[in-house]
Amino acid sequence: MVKKLLLLVGVVGVAVVVAQRIKASNDERALWHEATTAPDLR
């Protein structure tokens, strides 16, 4: 029972870290896109 609980906690922990890295990557990509695109001066 304890081993299953530890395994579940480990899997959830890895999922959280992966989700944070994906979000950080997407945020950085959006920032670079905003910084490198020409402003719309219409």
PDB file of N, CA and C in Angstrom:
ATOM      1  N   MET A   1       0.824  -1.195   0.000  1.00  0.00           N
ATOM      2  CA  MET A   1       0.000   0.000   0.000  1.00  0.00           C
ATOM      3  C   MET A   1       0.865   1.254   0.000  1.00  0.00           C
ATOM      4  N   VAL A   2       1.893   1.282   0.828  1.00  0.00           N
ATOM      5  CA  VAL A   2       2.762   2.459   0.913  1.00  0.00           C
ATOM      6  C   VAL A   2       3.538   2.632  -0.390  1.00  0.00           C
ATOM      7  N   LYS A   3       3.982   1.541  -0.993  1.00  0.00           N
ATOM      8  CA  LYS A   3       4.715   1.618  -2.247  1.00  0.00           C
ATOM      9  C   LYS A   3       3.849   2.207  -3.353  1.00  0.00           C
ATOM     10  N   LYS A   4       2.582   1.805  -3.394  1.00  0.00           N
ATOM     11  CA  LYS A   4       1.671   2.339  -4.411  1.00  0.00           C
ATOM     12  C   LYS A   4       1.458   3.836  -4.211  1.00  0.00           C
ATOM     13  N   LEU A   5       1.332   4.245  -2.957  1.00  0.00           N
ATOM     14  CA  LEU A   5       1.143   5.660  -2.654  1.00  0.00           C
ATOM     15  C   LEU A   5       2.378   6.472  -3.056  1.00  0.00           C
ATOM     16  N   LEU A   6       3.555   5.959  -2.742  1.00  0.00           N
ATOM     17  CA  LEU A   6       4.786   6.646  -3.128  1.00  0.00           C
ATOM     18  C   LEU A   6       4.931   6.722  -4.643  1.00  0.00           C
ATOM     19  N   LEU A   7       4.564   5.659  -5.327  1.00  0.00           N
ATOM     20  CA  LEU A   7       4.616   5.653  -6.790  1.00  0.00           C
ATOM     21  C   LEU A   7       3.657   6.702  -7.356  1.00  0.00           C
ATOM     22  N   LEU A   8       2.467   6.772  -6.800  1.00  0.00           N
ATOM     23  CA  LEU A   8       1.485   7.755  -7.252  1.00  0.00           C
ATOM     24  C   LEU A   8       1.996   9.181  -7.009  1.00  0.00           C
ATOM     25  N   VAL A   9       2.564   9.427  -5.843  1.00  0.00           N
ATOM     26  CA  VAL A   9       3.118  10.754  -5.528  1.00  0.00           C
ATOM     27  C   VAL A   9       4.250  11.087  -6.496  1.00  0.00           C
ATOM     28  N   GLY A  10       5.077  10.126  -6.809  1.00  0.00           N
ATOM     29  CA  GLY A  10       6.174  10.354  -7.757  1.00  0.00           C
ATOM     30  C   GLY A  10       5.675  10.684  -9.144  1.00  0.00           C
ATOM     31  N   VAL A  11       4.682   9.958  -9.605  1.00  0.00           N
ATOM     32  CA  VAL A  11       4.116  10.211 -10.937  1.00  0.00           C
ATOM     33  C   VAL A  11       3.476  11.593 -10.991  1.00  0.00           C
ATOM     34  N   VAL A  12       2.730  11.953  -9.962  1.00  0.00           N
ATOM     35  CA  VAL A  12       2.102  13.272  -9.911  1.00  0.00           C
ATOM     36  C   VAL A  12       3.175  14.362  -9.870  1.00  0.00           C
ATOM     37  N   GLY A  13       4.225  14.150  -9.118  1.00  0.00           N
ATOM     38  CA  GLY A  13       5.319  15.120  -9.042  1.00  0.00           C
ATOM     39  C   GLY A  13       5.984  15.334 -10.390  1.00  0.00           C
ATOM     40  N   VAL A  14       6.240  14.261 -11.097  1.00  0.00           N
ATOM     41  CA  VAL A  14       6.843  14.366 -12.430  1.00  0.00           C
ATOM     42  C   VAL A  14       5.896  15.098 -13.378  1.00  0.00           C
ATOM     43  N   ALA A  15       4.610  14.804 -13.303  1.00  0.00           N
ATOM     44  CA  ALA A  15       3.631  15.473 -14.165  1.00  0.00           C
ATOM     45  C   ALA A  15       3.595  16.974 -13.898  1.00  0.00           C
ATOM     46  N   VAL A  16       3.694  17.366 -12.638  1.00  0.00           N
ATOM     47  CA  VAL A  16       3.692  18.791 -12.290  1.00  0.00           C
ATOM     48  C   VAL A  16       4.932  19.478 -12.852  1.00  0.00           C
ATOM     49  N   VAL A  17       6.085  18.851 -12.717  1.00  0.00           N
ATOM     50  CA  VAL A  17       7.325  19.444 -13.228  1.00  0.00           C
ATOM     51  C   VAL A  17       7.254  19.582 -14.750  1.00  0.00           C
ATOM     52  N   VAL A  18       6.771  18.567 -15.425  1.00  0.00           N
ATOM     53  CA  VAL A  18       6.652  18.619 -16.887  1.00  0.00           C
ATOM     54  C   VAL A  18       5.685  19.724 -17.301  1.00  0.00           C
ATOM     55  N   ALA A  19       4.556  19.841 -16.613  1.00  0.00           N
ATOM     56  CA  ALA A  19       3.578  20.882 -16.940  1.00  0.00           C
ATOM     57  C   ALA A  19       4.181  22.268 -16.732  1.00  0.00           C
ATOM     58  N   GLN A  20       4.953  22.464 -15.669  1.00  0.00           N
ATOM     59  CA  GLN A  20       5.590  23.760 -15.424  1.00  0.00           C
ATOM     60  C   GLN A  20       6.588  24.098 -16.522  1.00  0.00           C
ATOM     61  N   ARG A  21       7.362  23.124 -16.941  1.00  0.00           N
ATOM     62  CA  ARG A  21       8.348  23.379 -17.999  1.00  0.00           C
ATOM     63  C   ARG A  21       7.669  23.705 -19.313  1.00  0.00           C
ATOM     64  N   ILE A  22       6.582  23.016 -19.632  1.00  0.00           N
ATOM     65  CA  ILE A  22       5.849  23.293 -20.865  1.00  0.00           C
ATOM     66  C   ILE A  22       5.265  24.701 -20.830  1.00  0.00           C
ATOM     67  N   LYS A  23       4.693  25.080 -19.684  1.00  0.00           N
ATOM     68  CA  LYS A  23       4.120  26.426 -19.554  1.00  0.00           C
ATOM     69  C   LYS A  23       5.201  27.486 -19.679  1.00  0.00           C
ATOM     70  N   ALA A  24       6.348  27.264 -19.040  1.00  0.00           N
ATOM     71  CA  ALA A  24       7.450  28.221 -19.120  1.00  0.00           C
ATOM     72  C   ALA A  24       7.943  28.353 -20.558  1.00  0.00           C
ATOM     73  N   SER A  25       8.027  27.239 -21.261  1.00  0.00           N
ATOM     74  CA  SER A  25       8.471  27.264 -22.650  1.00  0.00           C
ATOM     75  C   SER A  25       7.485  28.032 -23.519  1.00  0.00           C
ATOM     76  N   ASN A  26       6.198  27.786 -23.320  1.00  0.00           N
ATOM     77  CA  ASN A  26       5.178  28.493 -24.090  1.00  0.00           C
ATOM     78  C   ASN A  26       5.181  29.980 -23.778  1.00  0.00           C
ATOM     79  N   ASP A  27       5.348  30.336 -22.518  1.00  0.00           N
ATOM     80  CA  ASP A  27       5.394  31.747 -22.134  1.00  0.00           C
ATOM     81  C   ASP A  27       6.596  32.441 -22.772  1.00  0.00           C
ATOM     82  N   GLU A  28       7.747  31.782 -22.757  1.00  0.00           N
ATOM     83  CA  GLU A  28       8.942  32.372 -23.342  1.00  0.00           C
ATOM     84  C   GLU A  28       8.782  32.528 -24.853  1.00  0.00           C
ATOM     85  N   ARG A  29       8.192  31.530 -25.494  1.00  0.00           N
ATOM     86  CA  ARG A  29       7.971  31.598 -26.936  1.00  0.00           C
ATOM     87  C   ARG A  29       7.038  32.758 -27.280  1.00  0.00           C
ATOM     88  N   ALA A  30       5.993  32.938 -26.496  1.00  0.00           N
ATOM     89  CA  ALA A  30       5.058  34.040 -26.732  1.00  0.00           C
ATOM     90  C   ALA A  30       5.749  35.386 -26.528  1.00  0.00           C
ATOM     91  N   LEU A  31       6.602  35.482 -25.516  1.00  0.00           N
ATOM     92  CA  LEU A  31       7.328  36.723 -25.265  1.00  0.00           C
ATOM     93  C   LEU A  31       8.259  37.047 -26.424  1.00  0.00           C
ATOM     94  N   TRP A  32       8.992  36.046 -26.917  1.00  0.00           N
ATOM     95  CA  TRP A  32       9.882  36.274 -28.052  1.00  0.00           C
ATOM     96  C   TRP A  32       9.094  36.656 -29.293  1.00  0.00           C
ATOM     97  N   HIS A  33       7.956  36.028 -29.490  1.00  0.00           N
ATOM     98  CA  HIS A  33       7.127  36.356 -30.647  1.00  0.00           C
ATOM     99  C   HIS A  33       6.686  37.810 -30.580  1.00  0.00           C
ATOM    100  N   GLU A  34       6.253  38.242 -29.414  1.00  0.00           N
ATOM    101  CA  GLU A  34       5.820  39.627 -29.240  1.00  0.00           C
ATOM    102  C   GLU A  34       6.989  40.598 -29.431  1.00  0.00           C
ATOM    103  N   ALA A  35       8.165  40.217 -28.947  1.00  0.00           N
ATOM    104  CA  ALA A  35       9.317  41.110 -29.003  1.00  0.00           C
ATOM    105  C   ALA A  35       9.906  41.203 -30.410  1.00  0.00           C
ATOM    106  N   THR A  36       9.727  40.205 -31.232  1.00  0.00           N
ATOM    107  CA  THR A  36      10.392  40.171 -32.537  1.00  0.00           C
ATOM    108  C   THR A  36       9.466  40.451 -33.701  1.00  0.00           C
ATOM    109  N   THR A  37       8.172  40.580 -33.483  1.00  0.00           N
ATOM    110  CA  THR A  37       7.262  40.899 -34.583  1.00  0.00           C
ATOM    111  C   THR A  37       7.135  42.403 -34.706  1.00  0.00           C
ATOM    112  N   ALA A  38       6.941  42.851 -35.924  1.00  0.00           N
ATOM    113  CA  ALA A  38       6.801  44.286 -36.158  1.00  0.00           C
ATOM    114  C   ALA A  38       5.469  44.770 -35.573  1.00  0.00           C
ATOM    115  N   PRO A  39       5.485  45.954 -35.010  1.00  0.00           N
ATOM    116  CA  PRO A  39       4.224  46.480 -34.462  1.00  0.00           C
ATOM    117  C   PRO A  39       3.240  46.798 -35.581  1.00  0.00           C
ATOM    118  N   ASP A  40       1.980  46.628 -35.285  1.00  0.00           N
ATOM    119  CA  ASP A  40       0.920  46.934 -36.252  1.00  0.00           C
ATOM    120  C   ASP A  40       0.593  48.414 -36.152  1.00  0.00           C
ATOM    121  N   LEU A  41       1.062  49.200 -37.113  1.00  0.00           N
ATOM    122  CA  LEU A  41       0.922  50.655 -37.053  1.00  0.00           C
ATOM    123  C   LEU A  41      -0.169  51.183 -37.983  1.00  0.00           C
ATOM    124  N   ARG A  42      -1.200  50.381 -38.203  1.00  0.00           N
ATOM    125  CA  ARG A  42      -2.279  50.831 -39.090  1.00  0.00           C
ATOM    126  C   ARG A  42      -3.086  51.926 -38.476  1.00  0.00           C
TER     127      ARG A  42
END
